[in-house]
Amino acid sequence: MNDCIFCKIISGDIPSYTVYEDDVVKAFLDISQTTPGHTLVIPKKHVPNIYEYDSEFASQVFARIPKIARAIRKFSPDIKGMNIVNNNGELAYQSVFHSHFHLIPRYTKDDGFSMHFTDNSSKYDNAKYESIAHAIKEQMEES
């Protein structure tokens, strides 16, 4: 895609600090460096979001993430954990519409990165959980 910043990084039109690359993915430092080592993993094939993956493509892309994550963890003994984040759609904070995964090393609770999950369990009973689960199951595609 001509206007996709990640496609331009893949083609070499925009420089990057590459940490891993093969025929399927490219991994490079996120320019924001939310924490030191914050890396983006992107498929070389332009896909806008996770909804465009088929099983084979997902297997190829996801299979590389643990190797990259282990390398990031080994780069600093101060890394105590890692968030792996994939945003899909503007409402979910996706800002570049080329699928990508953030590997964000975690150093301390005060390292500048946070996520918050609201506990809405008091609003649900067994019937509501079953209804939602059933509705999702009905939408499952054969693979």
C-alpha atoms as a PDB file:
ATOM      1  CA  MET A   1       0.000   0.000   0.000  1.00  0.00           C
ATOM      2  CA  ASN A   2       1.416   3.345  -1.029  1.00  0.00           C
ATOM      3  CA  ASP A   3       0.331   5.316   2.033  1.00  0.00           C
ATOM      4  CA  CYS A   4       0.997   2.703   4.737  1.00  0.00           C
ATOM      5  CA  ILE A   5       3.898   3.690   6.994  1.00  0.00           C
ATOM      6  CA  PHE A   6       4.601   0.045   7.898  1.00  0.00           C
ATOM      7  CA  CYS A   7       4.672  -1.010   4.244  1.00  0.00           C
ATOM      8  CA  LYS A   8       7.183   1.809   3.682  1.00  0.00           C
ATOM      9  CA  ILE A   9       9.285   0.479   6.566  1.00  0.00           C
ATOM     10  CA  ILE A  10       9.154  -3.038   5.078  1.00  0.00           C
ATOM     11  CA  SER A  11      10.238  -1.732   1.659  1.00  0.00           C
ATOM     12  CA  GLY A  12      13.082   0.299   3.202  1.00  0.00           C
ATOM     13  CA  ASP A  13      11.632   3.655   2.167  1.00  0.00           C
ATOM     14  CA  ILE A  14      11.501   4.609   5.855  1.00  0.00           C
ATOM     15  CA  PRO A  15      14.380   3.505   8.104  1.00  0.00           C
ATOM     16  CA  SER A  16      13.794   1.420  11.203  1.00  0.00           C
ATOM     17  CA  TYR A  17      15.763  -0.132  14.029  1.00  0.00           C
ATOM     18  CA  THR A  18      15.205  -3.738  13.017  1.00  0.00           C
ATOM     19  CA  VAL A  19      15.667  -6.459  15.624  1.00  0.00           C
ATOM     20  CA  TYR A  20      14.388  -9.404  13.550  1.00  0.00           C
ATOM     21  CA  GLU A  21      13.328 -10.014   9.977  1.00  0.00           C
ATOM     22  CA  ASP A  22      12.477 -12.983   7.812  1.00  0.00           C
ATOM     23  CA  ASP A  23      10.167 -13.658   4.870  1.00  0.00           C
ATOM     24  CA  VAL A  24       6.992 -13.391   7.021  1.00  0.00           C
ATOM     25  CA  VAL A  25       7.554 -10.649   9.620  1.00  0.00           C
ATOM     26  CA  LYS A  26       9.672  -7.671  10.485  1.00  0.00           C
ATOM     27  CA  ALA A  27      10.274  -6.648  14.101  1.00  0.00           C
ATOM     28  CA  PHE A  28      11.643  -3.213  14.909  1.00  0.00           C
ATOM     29  CA  LEU A  29      11.823  -0.784  17.797  1.00  0.00           C
ATOM     30  CA  ASP A  30       8.719   1.344  18.260  1.00  0.00           C
ATOM     31  CA  ILE A  31       9.857   4.931  17.888  1.00  0.00           C
ATOM     32  CA  SER A  32       7.922   5.876  21.069  1.00  0.00           C
ATOM     33  CA  GLN A  33       9.851   3.390  23.271  1.00  0.00           C
ATOM     34  CA  THR A  34       7.086   3.280  25.895  1.00  0.00           C
ATOM     35  CA  THR A  35       9.647   1.264  27.821  1.00  0.00           C
ATOM     36  CA  PRO A  36      13.183   0.414  26.643  1.00  0.00           C
ATOM     37  CA  GLY A  37      12.961  -2.403  24.100  1.00  0.00           C
ATOM     38  CA  HIS A  38       9.345  -1.700  23.039  1.00  0.00           C
ATOM     39  CA  THR A  39       9.186  -3.576  19.739  1.00  0.00           C
ATOM     40  CA  LEU A  40       6.609  -3.852  16.973  1.00  0.00           C
ATOM     41  CA  VAL A  41       6.129  -7.120  15.098  1.00  0.00           C
ATOM     42  CA  ILE A  42       4.416  -6.668  11.741  1.00  0.00           C
ATOM     43  CA  PRO A  43       3.576  -9.124   8.984  1.00  0.00           C
ATOM     44  CA  LYS A  44       5.252  -8.283   5.702  1.00  0.00           C
ATOM     45  CA  LYS A  45       1.956  -8.898   3.935  1.00  0.00           C
ATOM     46  CA  HIS A  46      -0.302  -5.872   4.345  1.00  0.00           C
ATOM     47  CA  VAL A  47      -3.328  -6.854   6.392  1.00  0.00           C
ATOM     48  CA  PRO A  48      -5.250  -4.128   8.207  1.00  0.00           C
ATOM     49  CA  ASN A  49      -6.202  -6.080  11.328  1.00  0.00           C
ATOM     50  CA  ILE A  50      -6.556  -9.479  13.009  1.00  0.00           C
ATOM     51  CA  TYR A  51      -9.887 -10.103  11.291  1.00  0.00           C
ATOM     52  CA  GLU A  52      -8.057 -10.533   7.983  1.00  0.00           C
ATOM     53  CA  TYR A  53      -5.850 -13.418   9.179  1.00  0.00           C
ATOM     54  CA  ASP A  54      -6.586 -16.978   8.169  1.00  0.00           C
ATOM     55  CA  SER A  55      -5.337 -19.889  10.283  1.00  0.00           C
ATOM     56  CA  GLU A  56      -2.193 -20.501   8.246  1.00  0.00           C
ATOM     57  CA  PHE A  57      -1.155 -16.858   8.167  1.00  0.00           C
ATOM     58  CA  ALA A  58      -1.831 -16.482  11.895  1.00  0.00           C
ATOM     59  CA  SER A  59       0.303 -19.559  12.596  1.00  0.00           C
ATOM     60  CA  GLN A  60       3.173 -18.108  10.596  1.00  0.00           C
ATOM     61  CA  VAL A  61       3.048 -14.678  12.249  1.00  0.00           C
ATOM     62  CA  PHE A  62       2.322 -15.804  15.818  1.00  0.00           C
ATOM     63  CA  ALA A  63       4.983 -18.524  15.736  1.00  0.00           C
ATOM     64  CA  ARG A  64       7.684 -15.856  15.584  1.00  0.00           C
ATOM     65  CA  ILE A  65       6.511 -13.762  18.535  1.00  0.00           C
ATOM     66  CA  PRO A  66       7.915 -15.967  21.364  1.00  0.00           C
ATOM     67  CA  LYS A  67      11.406 -15.957  19.806  1.00  0.00           C
ATOM     68  CA  ILE A  68      11.377 -12.165  19.532  1.00  0.00           C
ATOM     69  CA  ALA A  69       9.952 -11.813  23.055  1.00  0.00           C
ATOM     70  CA  ARG A  70      12.707 -14.028  24.498  1.00  0.00           C
ATOM     71  CA  ALA A  71      15.378 -11.924  22.774  1.00  0.00           C
ATOM     72  CA  ILE A  72      13.893  -8.738  24.189  1.00  0.00           C
ATOM     73  CA  ARG A  73      13.745 -10.243  27.689  1.00  0.00           C
ATOM     74  CA  LYS A  74      17.394 -11.354  27.468  1.00  0.00           C
ATOM     75  CA  PHE A  75      18.557  -7.876  26.429  1.00  0.00           C
ATOM     76  CA  SER A  76      18.046  -6.530  29.967  1.00  0.00           C
ATOM     77  CA  PRO A  77      18.131  -8.339  33.314  1.00  0.00           C
ATOM     78  CA  ASP A  78      15.814  -5.600  34.639  1.00  0.00           C
ATOM     79  CA  ILE A  79      12.868  -6.823  32.529  1.00  0.00           C
ATOM     80  CA  LYS A  80      10.367  -8.503  34.869  1.00  0.00           C
ATOM     81  CA  GLY A  81       7.513  -9.142  32.414  1.00  0.00           C
ATOM     82  CA  MET A  82       6.101  -8.256  29.018  1.00  0.00           C
ATOM     83  CA  ASN A  83       2.795  -7.097  27.632  1.00  0.00           C
ATOM     84  CA  ILE A  84       1.951  -8.282  24.128  1.00  0.00           C
ATOM     85  CA  VAL A  85      -0.742  -6.011  22.731  1.00  0.00           C
ATOM     86  CA  ASN A  86      -2.679  -6.091  19.460  1.00  0.00           C
ATOM     87  CA  ASN A  87      -5.196  -3.302  18.803  1.00  0.00           C
ATOM     88  CA  ASN A  88      -7.883  -3.696  16.139  1.00  0.00           C
ATOM     89  CA  GLY A  89      -9.887  -0.695  15.022  1.00  0.00           C
ATOM     90  CA  GLU A  90      -9.723   2.950  15.943  1.00  0.00           C
ATOM     91  CA  LEU A  91     -11.873   2.493  19.058  1.00  0.00           C
ATOM     92  CA  ALA A  92      -9.349  -0.119  20.273  1.00  0.00           C
ATOM     93  CA  TYR A  93      -6.494   2.397  19.848  1.00  0.00           C
ATOM     94  CA  GLN A  94      -5.219   1.114  16.499  1.00  0.00           C
ATOM     95  CA  SER A  95      -3.471   4.081  14.887  1.00  0.00           C
ATOM     96  CA  VAL A  96      -1.662   2.365  11.995  1.00  0.00           C
ATOM     97  CA  PHE A  97      -4.005   0.183   9.966  1.00  0.00           C
ATOM     98  CA  HIS A  98      -1.446  -2.488   9.163  1.00  0.00           C
ATOM     99  CA  SER A  99      -1.745  -5.304  11.684  1.00  0.00           C
ATOM    100  CA  HIS A 100       0.959  -5.186  14.339  1.00  0.00           C
ATOM    101  CA  PHE A 101       1.829  -6.476  17.775  1.00  0.00           C
ATOM    102  CA  HIS A 102       3.440  -4.403  20.504  1.00  0.00           C
ATOM    103  CA  LEU A 103       5.960  -6.252  22.673  1.00  0.00           C
ATOM    104  CA  ILE A 104       6.336  -3.974  25.678  1.00  0.00           C
ATOM    105  CA  PRO A 105       8.948  -4.985  28.260  1.00  0.00           C
ATOM    106  CA  ARG A 106       7.915  -4.308  31.852  1.00  0.00           C
ATOM    107  CA  TYR A 107      10.460  -3.157  34.392  1.00  0.00           C
ATOM    108  CA  THR A 108       8.430  -1.855  37.347  1.00  0.00           C
ATOM    109  CA  LYS A 109       4.845  -0.930  38.167  1.00  0.00           C
ATOM    110  CA  ASP A 110       5.898   2.679  37.571  1.00  0.00           C
ATOM    111  CA  ASP A 111       7.551   2.232  34.153  1.00  0.00           C
ATOM    112  CA  GLY A 112       5.018   4.384  32.306  1.00  0.00           C
ATOM    113  CA  PHE A 113       2.762   1.681  30.858  1.00  0.00           C
ATOM    114  CA  SER A 114      -0.584   0.609  32.253  1.00  0.00           C
ATOM    115  CA  MET A 115      -3.712  -1.286  31.301  1.00  0.00           C
ATOM    116  CA  HIS A 116      -6.977  -1.344  33.180  1.00  0.00           C
ATOM    117  CA  PHE A 117      -9.644  -4.048  33.048  1.00  0.00           C
ATOM    118  CA  THR A 118     -12.978  -3.138  34.599  1.00  0.00           C
ATOM    119  CA  ASP A 119     -14.669  -5.895  36.588  1.00  0.00           C
ATOM    120  CA  ASN A 120     -18.289  -5.970  35.407  1.00  0.00           C
ATOM    121  CA  SER A 121     -18.991  -9.474  36.713  1.00  0.00           C
ATOM    122  CA  SER A 122     -21.695  -8.197  39.063  1.00  0.00           C
ATOM    123  CA  LYS A 123     -23.764  -7.304  35.983  1.00  0.00           C
ATOM    124  CA  TYR A 124     -23.800 -10.908  34.717  1.00  0.00           C
ATOM    125  CA  ASP A 125     -25.492 -14.093  35.774  1.00  0.00           C
ATOM    126  CA  ASN A 126     -25.186 -17.610  34.352  1.00  0.00           C
ATOM    127  CA  ALA A 127     -27.964 -16.998  31.807  1.00  0.00           C
ATOM    128  CA  LYS A 128     -26.261 -13.888  30.419  1.00  0.00           C
ATOM    129  CA  TYR A 129     -22.840 -15.601  30.220  1.00  0.00           C
ATOM    130  CA  GLU A 130     -24.466 -18.585  28.448  1.00  0.00           C
ATOM    131  CA  SER A 131     -26.304 -16.300  26.031  1.00  0.00           C
ATOM    132  CA  ILE A 132     -23.135 -14.449  25.037  1.00  0.00           C
ATOM    133  CA  ALA A 133     -21.098 -17.656  24.749  1.00  0.00           C
ATOM    134  CA  HIS A 134     -23.790 -19.268  22.596  1.00  0.00           C
ATOM    135  CA  ALA A 135     -24.033 -16.222  20.294  1.00  0.00           C
ATOM    136  CA  ILE A 136     -20.263 -16.213  19.767  1.00  0.00           C
ATOM    137  CA  LYS A 137     -20.136 -19.977  19.181  1.00  0.00           C
ATOM    138  CA  GLU A 138     -22.762 -19.607  16.454  1.00  0.00           C
ATOM    139  CA  GLN A 139     -20.446 -17.190  14.642  1.00  0.00           C
ATOM    140  CA  MET A 140     -17.383 -19.450  14.688  1.00  0.00           C
ATOM    141  CA  GLU A 141     -16.039 -20.135  11.221  1.00  0.00           C
ATOM    142  CA  GLU A 142     -14.876 -23.514  10.100  1.00  0.00           C
ATOM    143  CA  SER A 143     -11.126 -23.572   9.629  1.00  0.00           C
END
